[in-house]
């Protein structure tokens, strides 16, 4: 079984009446033991629109050197 993999999740956003969350992923593979802690950090992040694919939502999360990046465009209405 792989001990590392790309972490994917969703983050709540503000400023969009159409969307409440946005999909995100890690920029590199992350140790699966950290996934619960990553989720806790992301639950406290609340970015506002506009957001574009590739935008960094959280830089160097948990001092791992890994960024959490957006995987969908959301524009202001």
PDB file of N, CA and C in Angstrom:
ATOM      1  N   UNK A   1       0.835  -1.195   0.000  1.00  0.00           N
ATOM      2  CA  UNK A   1       0.000   0.000   0.000  1.00  0.00           C
ATOM      3  C   UNK A   1       0.875   1.251   0.000  1.00  0.00           C
ATOM      4  N   UNK A   2       0.469   2.236  -0.804  1.00  0.00           N
ATOM      5  CA  UNK A   2       1.218   3.492  -0.869  1.00  0.00           C
ATOM      6  C   UNK A   2       1.105   4.245   0.454  1.00  0.00           C
ATOM      7  N   UNK A   3       2.237   4.757   0.899  1.00  0.00           N
ATOM      8  CA  UNK A   3       2.213   5.543   2.131  1.00  0.00           C
ATOM      9  C   UNK A   3       2.073   7.033   1.848  1.00  0.00           C
ATOM     10  N   UNK A   4       2.272   7.427   0.580  1.00  0.00           N
ATOM     11  CA  UNK A   4       2.120   8.823   0.180  1.00  0.00           C
ATOM     12  C   UNK A   4       1.202   8.890  -1.027  1.00  0.00           C
ATOM     13  N   UNK A   5       0.460   9.987  -1.118  1.00  0.00           N
ATOM     14  CA  UNK A   5      -0.409  10.196  -2.268  1.00  0.00           C
ATOM     15  C   UNK A   5      -0.786  11.673  -2.325  1.00  0.00           C
ATOM     16  N   UNK A   6      -1.315  12.089  -3.469  1.00  0.00           N
ATOM     17  CA  UNK A   6      -1.808  13.456  -3.593  1.00  0.00           C
ATOM     18  C   UNK A   6      -3.047  13.596  -2.700  1.00  0.00           C
ATOM     19  N   UNK A   7      -3.048  14.615  -1.862  1.00  0.00           N
ATOM     20  CA  UNK A   7      -4.168  14.877  -0.960  1.00  0.00           C
ATOM     21  C   UNK A   7      -5.186  15.747  -1.689  1.00  0.00           C
ATOM     22  N   UNK A   8      -6.447  15.338  -1.695  1.00  0.00           N
ATOM     23  CA  UNK A   8      -7.507  16.150  -2.288  1.00  0.00           C
ATOM     24  C   UNK A   8      -8.587  16.408  -1.248  1.00  0.00           C
ATOM     25  N   UNK A   9      -9.207  17.573  -1.356  1.00  0.00           N
ATOM     26  CA  UNK A   9     -10.239  17.944  -0.401  1.00  0.00           C
ATOM     27  C   UNK A   9     -11.055  19.096  -0.980  1.00  0.00           C
ATOM     28  N   UNK A  10     -11.923  19.671  -0.163  1.00  0.00           N
ATOM     29  CA  UNK A  10     -12.640  20.891  -0.525  1.00  0.00           C
ATOM     30  C   UNK A  10     -12.450  21.913   0.591  1.00  0.00           C
ATOM     31  N   UNK A  11     -12.525  23.183   0.221  1.00  0.00           N
ATOM     32  CA  UNK A  11     -12.392  24.286   1.165  1.00  0.00           C
ATOM     33  C   UNK A  11     -13.614  25.188   0.991  1.00  0.00           C
ATOM     34  N   UNK A  12     -14.195  25.609   2.105  1.00  0.00           N
ATOM     35  CA  UNK A  12     -15.322  26.547   2.033  1.00  0.00           C
ATOM     36  C   UNK A  12     -14.840  27.876   1.462  1.00  0.00           C
ATOM     37  N   UNK A  13     -15.712  28.535   0.677  1.00  0.00           N
ATOM     38  CA  UNK A  13     -15.361  29.844   0.121  1.00  0.00           C
ATOM     39  C   UNK A  13     -16.458  30.849   0.447  1.00  0.00           C
ATOM     40  N   UNK A  14     -16.101  32.123   0.339  1.00  0.00           N
ATOM     41  CA  UNK A  14     -17.092  33.184   0.540  1.00  0.00           C
ATOM     42  C   UNK A  14     -17.110  34.082  -0.698  1.00  0.00           C
ATOM     43  N   UNK A  15     -18.262  34.675  -0.940  1.00  0.00           N
ATOM     44  CA  UNK A  15     -18.382  35.613  -2.045  1.00  0.00           C
ATOM     45  C   UNK A  15     -19.030  35.034  -3.287  1.00  0.00           C
ATOM     46  N   UNK A  16     -19.513  33.800  -3.224  1.00  0.00           N
ATOM     47  CA  UNK A  16     -20.184  33.196  -4.366  1.00  0.00           C
ATOM     48  C   UNK A  16     -21.545  32.667  -3.920  1.00  0.00           C
ATOM     49  N   UNK A  17     -22.594  33.067  -4.636  1.00  0.00           N
ATOM     50  CA  UNK A  17     -23.925  32.562  -4.294  1.00  0.00           C
ATOM     51  C   UNK A  17     -24.148  31.177  -4.903  1.00  0.00           C
ATOM     52  N   UNK A  18     -23.375  30.844  -5.939  1.00  0.00           N
ATOM     53  CA  UNK A  18     -23.545  29.566  -6.633  1.00  0.00           C
ATOM     54  C   UNK A  18     -22.769  28.426  -5.961  1.00  0.00           C
ATOM     55  N   UNK A  19     -21.577  28.715  -5.446  1.00  0.00           N
ATOM     56  CA  UNK A  19     -20.724  27.681  -4.861  1.00  0.00           C
ATOM     57  C   UNK A  19     -20.432  27.970  -3.396  1.00  0.00           C
ATOM     58  N   UNK A  20     -20.378  26.929  -2.599  1.00  0.00           N
ATOM     59  CA  UNK A  20     -20.038  27.057  -1.181  1.00  0.00           C
ATOM     60  C   UNK A  20     -18.646  26.500  -0.880  1.00  0.00           C
ATOM     61  N   UNK A  21     -18.171  25.567  -1.728  1.00  0.00           N
ATOM     62  CA  UNK A  21     -16.848  24.968  -1.539  1.00  0.00           C
ATOM     63  C   UNK A  21     -16.106  24.952  -2.866  1.00  0.00           C
ATOM     64  N   UNK A  22     -14.790  24.790  -2.780  1.00  0.00           N
ATOM     65  CA  UNK A  22     -13.953  24.707  -3.967  1.00  0.00           C
ATOM     66  C   UNK A  22     -13.004  23.517  -3.804  1.00  0.00           C
ATOM     67  N   UNK A  23     -12.780  22.739  -4.865  1.00  0.00           N
ATOM     68  CA  UNK A  23     -11.867  21.599  -4.752  1.00  0.00           C
ATOM     69  C   UNK A  23     -10.401  22.047  -4.719  1.00  0.00           C
ATOM     70  N   UNK A  24      -9.620  21.366  -3.898  1.00  0.00           N
ATOM     71  CA  UNK A  24      -8.193  21.665  -3.780  1.00  0.00           C
ATOM     72  C   UNK A  24      -7.401  20.360  -3.770  1.00  0.00           C
ATOM     73  N   UNK A  25      -6.095  20.473  -4.027  1.00  0.00           N
ATOM     74  CA  UNK A  25      -5.212  19.311  -3.939  1.00  0.00           C
ATOM     75  C   UNK A  25      -3.827  19.766  -3.506  1.00  0.00           C
ATOM     76  N   UNK A  26      -3.027  18.802  -3.080  1.00  0.00           N
ATOM     77  CA  UNK A  26      -1.654  19.118  -2.678  1.00  0.00           C
ATOM     78  C   UNK A  26      -0.775  19.209  -3.914  1.00  0.00           C
ATOM     79  N   UNK A  27       0.271  20.032  -3.833  1.00  0.00           N
ATOM     80  CA  UNK A  27       1.178  20.210  -4.962  1.00  0.00           C
ATOM     81  C   UNK A  27       2.119  19.017  -5.136  1.00  0.00           C
ATOM     82  N   UNK A  28       2.285  18.225  -4.091  1.00  0.00           N
ATOM     83  CA  UNK A  28       3.135  17.021  -4.125  1.00  0.00           C
ATOM     84  C   UNK A  28       2.454  15.930  -3.318  1.00  0.00           C
ATOM     85  N   UNK A  29       3.001  14.736  -3.390  1.00  0.00           N
ATOM     86  CA  UNK A  29       2.470  13.648  -2.571  1.00  0.00           C
ATOM     87  C   UNK A  29       2.732  13.934  -1.093  1.00  0.00           C
ATOM     88  N   UNK A  30       1.765  13.565  -0.261  1.00  0.00           N
ATOM     89  CA  UNK A  30       1.834  13.811   1.177  1.00  0.00           C
ATOM     90  C   UNK A  30       1.711  12.481   1.907  1.00  0.00           C
ATOM     91  N   UNK A  31       2.445  12.342   3.005  1.00  0.00           N
ATOM     92  CA  UNK A  31       2.339  11.149   3.843  1.00  0.00           C
ATOM     93  C   UNK A  31       0.899  11.024   4.339  1.00  0.00           C
ATOM     94  N   UNK A  32       0.304   9.866   4.161  1.00  0.00           N
ATOM     95  CA  UNK A  32      -1.106   9.673   4.532  1.00  0.00           C
ATOM     96  C   UNK A  32      -1.355   9.865   6.021  1.00  0.00           C
ATOM     97  N   UNK A  33      -0.321   9.738   6.851  1.00  0.00           N
ATOM     98  CA  UNK A  33      -0.479   9.960   8.291  1.00  0.00           C
ATOM     99  C   UNK A  33      -0.831  11.412   8.601  1.00  0.00           C
ATOM    100  N   UNK A  34      -0.541  12.330   7.676  1.00  0.00           N
ATOM    101  CA  UNK A  34      -0.804  13.753   7.893  1.00  0.00           C
ATOM    102  C   UNK A  34      -2.172  14.200   7.395  1.00  0.00           C
ATOM    103  N   UNK A  35      -2.918  13.341   6.727  1.00  0.00           N
ATOM    104  CA  UNK A  35      -4.154  13.757   6.081  1.00  0.00           C
ATOM    105  C   UNK A  35      -5.193  14.314   7.053  1.00  0.00           C
ATOM    106  N   UNK A  36      -5.316  13.752   8.240  1.00  0.00           N
ATOM    107  CA  UNK A  36      -6.286  14.263   9.219  1.00  0.00           C
ATOM    108  C   UNK A  36      -5.886  15.671   9.650  1.00  0.00           C
ATOM    109  N   UNK A  37      -4.599  15.873   9.901  1.00  0.00           N
ATOM    110  CA  UNK A  37      -4.119  17.197  10.312  1.00  0.00           C
ATOM    111  C   UNK A  37      -4.299  18.219   9.187  1.00  0.00           C
ATOM    112  N   UNK A  38      -4.044  17.794   7.945  1.00  0.00           N
ATOM    113  CA  UNK A  38      -4.253  18.696   6.804  1.00  0.00           C
ATOM    114  C   UNK A  38      -5.715  19.125   6.733  1.00  0.00           C
ATOM    115  N   UNK A  39      -6.623  18.187   6.940  1.00  0.00           N
ATOM    116  CA  UNK A  39      -8.052  18.494   6.906  1.00  0.00           C
ATOM    117  C   UNK A  39      -8.435  19.501   7.983  1.00  0.00           C
ATOM    118  N   UNK A  40      -7.842  19.364   9.162  1.00  0.00           N
ATOM    119  CA  UNK A  40      -8.125  20.308  10.258  1.00  0.00           C
ATOM    120  C   UNK A  40      -7.680  21.717   9.892  1.00  0.00           C
ATOM    121  N   UNK A  41      -6.496  21.838   9.286  1.00  0.00           N
ATOM    122  CA  UNK A  41      -5.995  23.156   8.880  1.00  0.00           C
ATOM    123  C   UNK A  41      -6.914  23.747   7.814  1.00  0.00           C
ATOM    124  N   UNK A  42      -7.279  22.955   6.818  1.00  0.00           N
ATOM    125  CA  UNK A  42      -8.107  23.459   5.729  1.00  0.00           C
ATOM    126  C   UNK A  42      -9.510  23.835   6.182  1.00  0.00           C
ATOM    127  N   UNK A  43      -9.982  23.232   7.270  1.00  0.00           N
ATOM    128  CA  UNK A  43     -11.319  23.574   7.764  1.00  0.00           C
ATOM    129  C   UNK A  43     -11.361  25.001   8.322  1.00  0.00           C
ATOM    130  N   UNK A  44     -10.196  25.569   8.626  1.00  0.00           N
ATOM    131  CA  UNK A  44     -10.125  26.928   9.176  1.00  0.00           C
ATOM    132  C   UNK A  44      -9.863  27.983   8.100  1.00  0.00           C
ATOM    133  N   UNK A  45      -9.626  27.530   6.868  1.00  0.00           N
ATOM    134  CA  UNK A  45      -9.332  28.460   5.771  1.00  0.00           C
ATOM    135  C   UNK A  45     -10.625  28.778   5.043  1.00  0.00           C
ATOM    136  N   UNK A  46     -10.814  30.053   4.711  1.00  0.00           N
ATOM    137  CA  UNK A  46     -12.082  30.510   4.144  1.00  0.00           C
ATOM    138  C   UNK A  46     -11.800  31.602   3.097  1.00  0.00           C
ATOM    139  N   UNK A  47     -11.214  31.224   1.937  1.00  0.00           N
ATOM    140  CA  UNK A  47     -10.848  32.235   0.935  1.00  0.00           C
ATOM    141  C   UNK A  47     -12.074  32.824   0.244  1.00  0.00           C
ATOM    142  N   UNK A  48     -11.888  34.003  -0.352  1.00  0.00           N
ATOM    143  CA  UNK A  48     -12.994  34.632  -1.074  1.00  0.00           C
ATOM    144  C   UNK A  48     -12.725  34.594  -2.579  1.00  0.00           C
ATOM    145  N   UNK A  49     -13.807  34.681  -3.358  1.00  0.00           N
ATOM    146  CA  UNK A  49     -13.696  34.665  -4.810  1.00  0.00           C
ATOM    147  C   UNK A  49     -13.247  36.043  -5.293  1.00  0.00           C
ATOM    148  N   UNK A  50     -12.642  36.183  -6.460  1.00  0.00           N
ATOM    149  CA  UNK A  50     -12.412  35.150  -7.468  1.00  0.00           C
ATOM    150  C   UNK A  50     -11.210  34.267  -7.139  1.00  0.00           C
ATOM    151  N   UNK A  51     -11.308  33.010  -7.532  1.00  0.00           N
ATOM    152  CA  UNK A  51     -10.239  32.033  -7.355  1.00  0.00           C
ATOM    153  C   UNK A  51     -10.033  31.337  -8.694  1.00  0.00           C
ATOM    154  N   UNK A  52      -8.779  31.105  -9.061  1.00  0.00           N
ATOM    155  CA  UNK A  52      -8.488  30.453 -10.333  1.00  0.00           C
ATOM    156  C   UNK A  52      -7.694  29.175 -10.115  1.00  0.00           C
ATOM    157  N   UNK A  53      -7.766  28.287 -11.087  1.00  0.00           N
ATOM    158  CA  UNK A  53      -6.996  27.038 -11.040  1.00  0.00           C
ATOM    159  C   UNK A  53      -5.519  27.380 -10.846  1.00  0.00           C
ATOM    160  N   UNK A  54      -4.882  26.712  -9.902  1.00  0.00           N
ATOM    161  CA  UNK A  54      -3.463  26.934  -9.641  1.00  0.00           C
ATOM    162  C   UNK A  54      -3.182  27.937  -8.538  1.00  0.00           C
ATOM    163  N   UNK A  55      -4.193  28.692  -8.106  1.00  0.00           N
ATOM    164  CA  UNK A  55      -3.988  29.620  -6.986  1.00  0.00           C
ATOM    165  C   UNK A  55      -3.618  28.821  -5.737  1.00  0.00           C
ATOM    166  N   UNK A  56      -2.671  29.353  -4.974  1.00  0.00           N
ATOM    167  CA  UNK A  56      -2.275  28.687  -3.735  1.00  0.00           C
ATOM    168  C   UNK A  56      -3.249  29.097  -2.636  1.00  0.00           C
ATOM    169  N   UNK A  57      -3.910  28.099  -2.051  1.00  0.00           N
ATOM    170  CA  UNK A  57      -4.863  28.337  -0.970  1.00  0.00           C
ATOM    171  C   UNK A  57      -4.123  28.357   0.368  1.00  0.00           C
ATOM    172  N   UNK A  58      -3.126  27.496   0.511  1.00  0.00           N
ATOM    173  CA  UNK A  58      -2.323  27.433   1.733  1.00  0.00           C
ATOM    174  C   UNK A  58      -0.895  27.074   1.350  1.00  0.00           C
ATOM    175  N   UNK A  59       0.033  27.958   1.647  1.00  0.00           N
ATOM    176  CA  UNK A  59       1.442  27.743   1.295  1.00  0.00           C
ATOM    177  C   UNK A  59       2.163  27.024   2.434  1.00  0.00           C
ATOM    178  N   UNK A  60       2.968  26.037   2.088  1.00  0.00           N
ATOM    179  CA  UNK A  60       3.802  25.318   3.061  1.00  0.00           C
ATOM    180  C   UNK A  60       2.979  24.792   4.237  1.00  0.00           C
ATOM    181  N   UNK A  61       1.926  24.070   3.939  1.00  0.00           N
ATOM    182  CA  UNK A  61       1.014  23.579   4.975  1.00  0.00           C
ATOM    183  C   UNK A  61       1.749  22.658   5.954  1.00  0.00           C
ATOM    184  N   UNK A  62       1.545  22.883   7.235  1.00  0.00           N
ATOM    185  CA  UNK A  62       2.171  22.111   8.325  1.00  0.00           C
ATOM    186  C   UNK A  62       3.688  22.033   8.190  1.00  0.00           C
ATOM    187  N   UNK A  63       4.300  23.062   7.604  1.00  0.00           N
ATOM    188  CA  UNK A  63       5.753  23.114   7.406  1.00  0.00           C
ATOM    189  C   UNK A  63       6.284  21.899   6.651  1.00  0.00           C
ATOM    190  N   UNK A  64       5.500  21.397   5.690  1.00  0.00           N
ATOM    191  CA  UNK A  64       5.914  20.237   4.903  1.00  0.00           C
ATOM    192  C   UNK A  64       6.602  20.659   3.610  1.00  0.00           C
ATOM    193  N   UNK A  65       6.512  21.947   3.257  1.00  0.00           N
ATOM    194  CA  UNK A  65       7.029  22.407   1.980  1.00  0.00           C
ATOM    195  C   UNK A  65       6.045  22.167   0.844  1.00  0.00           C
ATOM    196  N   UNK A  66       4.847  21.727   1.184  1.00  0.00           N
ATOM    197  CA  UNK A  66       3.814  21.411   0.195  1.00  0.00           C
ATOM    198  C   UNK A  66       2.734  22.486   0.235  1.00  0.00           C
ATOM    199  N   UNK A  67       2.302  22.918  -0.950  1.00  0.00           N
ATOM    200  CA  UNK A  67       1.245  23.915  -1.054  1.00  0.00           C
ATOM    201  C   UNK A  67      -0.078  23.221  -1.365  1.00  0.00           C
ATOM    202  N   UNK A  68      -1.164  23.837  -0.932  1.00  0.00           N
ATOM    203  CA  UNK A  68      -2.500  23.377  -1.294  1.00  0.00           C
ATOM    204  C   UNK A  68      -2.999  24.326  -2.379  1.00  0.00           C
ATOM    205  N   UNK A  69      -3.331  23.751  -3.545  1.00  0.00           N
ATOM    206  CA  UNK A  69      -3.701  24.574  -4.693  1.00  0.00           C
ATOM    207  C   UNK A  69      -5.137  24.311  -5.141  1.00  0.00           C
ATOM    208  N   UNK A  70      -5.741  25.339  -5.697  1.00  0.00           N
ATOM    209  CA  UNK A  70      -7.113  25.280  -6.188  1.00  0.00           C
ATOM    210  C   UNK A  70      -7.163  24.512  -7.511  1.00  0.00           C
ATOM    211  N   UNK A  71      -8.243  23.754  -7.719  1.00  0.00           N
ATOM    212  CA  UNK A  71      -8.372  22.988  -8.962  1.00  0.00           C
ATOM    213  C   UNK A  71      -9.609  23.390  -9.768  1.00  0.00           C
ATOM    214  N   UNK A  72     -10.169  24.560  -9.485  1.00  0.00           N
ATOM    215  CA  UNK A  72     -11.344  25.037 -10.234  1.00  0.00           C
ATOM    216  C   UNK A  72     -11.406  26.558 -10.222  1.00  0.00           C
ATOM    217  N   UNK A  73     -11.853  27.130 -11.314  1.00  0.00           N
ATOM    218  CA  UNK A  73     -12.069  28.579 -11.395  1.00  0.00           C
ATOM    219  C   UNK A  73     -13.432  28.922 -10.803  1.00  0.00           C
ATOM    220  N   UNK A  74     -13.466  29.929  -9.947  1.00  0.00           N
ATOM    221  CA  UNK A  74     -14.724  30.485  -9.450  1.00  0.00           C
ATOM    222  C   UNK A  74     -14.599  31.998  -9.574  1.00  0.00           C
ATOM    223  N   UNK A  75     -15.500  32.603 -10.339  1.00  0.00           N
ATOM    224  CA  UNK A  75     -15.455  34.049 -10.559  1.00  0.00           C
ATOM    225  C   UNK A  75     -16.618  34.716  -9.853  1.00  0.00           C
ATOM    226  N   UNK A  76     -16.457  35.989  -9.592  1.00  0.00           N
ATOM    227  CA  UNK A  76     -17.542  36.760  -8.977  1.00  0.00           C
ATOM    228  C   UNK A  76     -18.703  36.845  -9.954  1.00  0.00           C
ATOM    229  N   UNK A  77     -19.911  36.802  -9.405  1.00  0.00           N
ATOM    230  CA  UNK A  77     -21.094  36.936 -10.263  1.00  0.00           C
ATOM    231  C   UNK A  77     -21.284  38.380 -10.658  1.00  0.00           C
TER     232      UNK A  77
END
